[in-house]
Amino acid sequence: MSIYVFYYNESGARVFTKSSVNDEAKELLKRKGYKKHFFEVEAESAKEAIAKMKSNNDEYLNELKDYSDSLLFVGLVGGGHFFKK
């Protein structure tokens, strides 16, 4: 298995094996506007790495949705209590 890293910019994302991204490649990607994503994953192939990245993003978005739903509930209950008086 290899470790895969992700680089992204406004137009999309690229996936590379970590061992293939040397200093020269990092500099080229930086000049083209790419930034390194914090997520690294161990996978058999780039396709599997992308699937794991999507799964991680989906989990993160679901957690964020649950958190914001909780805040909305607290805000509505607090607002209702405030206007009730």
Protein backbone atom coordinates (compact mmCIF):
# COMPACT_ATOMS: atom_id res chain seq x y z
CA MET A 1 0.00 0.00 0.00
CA SER A 2 1.06 3.57 -0.64
CA ILE A 3 0.32 6.81 1.14
CA TYR A 4 -1.59 9.29 -1.02
CA VAL A 5 -1.71 13.07 -0.64
CA PHE A 6 -4.10 15.58 -2.16
CA TYR A 7 -3.49 19.01 -3.65
CA TYR A 8 -6.33 21.36 -4.59
CA ASN A 9 -7.04 24.75 -6.15
CA GLU A 10 -10.14 26.56 -7.42
CA SER A 11 -10.48 24.34 -10.47
CA GLY A 12 -10.08 20.94 -8.85
CA ALA A 13 -7.93 18.49 -6.95
CA ARG A 14 -5.06 16.15 -7.74
CA VAL A 15 -3.96 12.98 -5.96
CA PHE A 16 -0.36 11.75 -5.80
CA THR A 17 1.60 9.12 -3.96
CA LYS A 18 3.42 10.87 -1.16
CA SER A 19 6.75 9.46 -2.31
CA SER A 20 6.34 11.00 -5.78
CA VAL A 21 5.95 14.56 -4.53
CA ASN A 22 9.47 15.90 -4.13
CA ASP A 23 10.46 19.51 -3.44
CA GLU A 24 10.49 20.39 -7.15
CA ALA A 25 6.97 19.00 -7.64
CA LYS A 26 5.73 20.85 -4.55
CA GLU A 27 7.13 24.11 -5.92
CA LEU A 28 5.51 23.52 -9.33
CA LEU A 29 2.15 22.79 -7.73
CA LYS A 30 2.48 25.90 -5.58
CA ARG A 31 3.19 28.04 -8.66
CA LYS A 32 0.05 26.64 -10.29
CA GLY A 33 -2.02 27.68 -7.26
CA TYR A 34 -2.35 24.28 -5.58
CA LYS A 35 -2.38 23.87 -1.82
CA LYS A 36 -1.78 20.64 0.06
CA HIS A 37 -4.83 19.19 1.76
CA PHE A 38 -4.25 18.04 5.34
CA PHE A 39 -5.73 14.61 4.60
CA GLU A 40 -3.37 11.74 3.76
CA VAL A 41 -4.55 8.18 3.28
CA GLU A 42 -3.06 4.74 2.85
CA ALA A 43 -4.57 2.94 -0.13
CA GLU A 44 -3.87 0.39 -2.86
CA SER A 45 -4.60 2.83 -5.70
CA ALA A 46 -5.41 6.45 -6.45
CA LYS A 47 -9.03 5.43 -7.08
CA GLU A 48 -9.28 3.89 -3.61
CA ALA A 49 -7.59 6.95 -2.09
CA ILE A 50 -10.16 9.23 -3.71
CA ALA A 51 -13.00 7.04 -2.41
CA LYS A 52 -11.55 7.24 1.11
CA MET A 53 -11.21 11.02 0.80
CA LYS A 54 -14.84 11.36 -0.30
CA SER A 55 -15.96 9.16 2.59
CA ASN A 56 -13.97 11.28 5.04
CA ASN A 57 -15.48 14.47 3.62
CA ASP A 58 -19.00 13.03 3.81
CA GLU A 59 -18.48 12.07 7.47
CA TYR A 60 -17.13 15.54 8.24
CA LEU A 61 -20.07 17.25 6.52
CA ASN A 62 -22.57 15.06 8.38
CA GLU A 63 -20.92 15.92 11.72
CA LEU A 64 -20.98 19.62 10.80
CA LYS A 65 -24.68 19.36 9.87
CA ASP A 66 -25.49 17.66 13.18
CA TYR A 67 -23.59 20.35 15.08
CA SER A 68 -25.31 23.22 13.27
CA ASP A 69 -28.72 21.55 13.76
CA SER A 70 -27.99 21.39 17.49
CA LEU A 71 -27.06 25.07 17.55
CA LEU A 72 -30.22 25.95 15.65
CA PHE A 73 -32.33 24.03 18.17
CA VAL A 74 -30.65 25.76 21.12
CA GLY A 75 -31.11 29.13 19.41
CA LEU A 76 -34.79 28.51 18.73
CA VAL A 77 -35.47 27.31 22.28
CA GLY A 78 -33.54 30.25 23.73
CA GLY A 79 -35.31 32.70 21.43
CA GLY A 80 -38.69 31.21 22.28
CA HIS A 81 -37.94 31.51 25.97
CA PHE A 82 -36.82 35.13 25.53
CA PHE A 83 -39.98 36.18 23.63
CA LYS A 84 -42.25 34.21 25.95
CA LYS A 85 -41.50 36.60 28.83
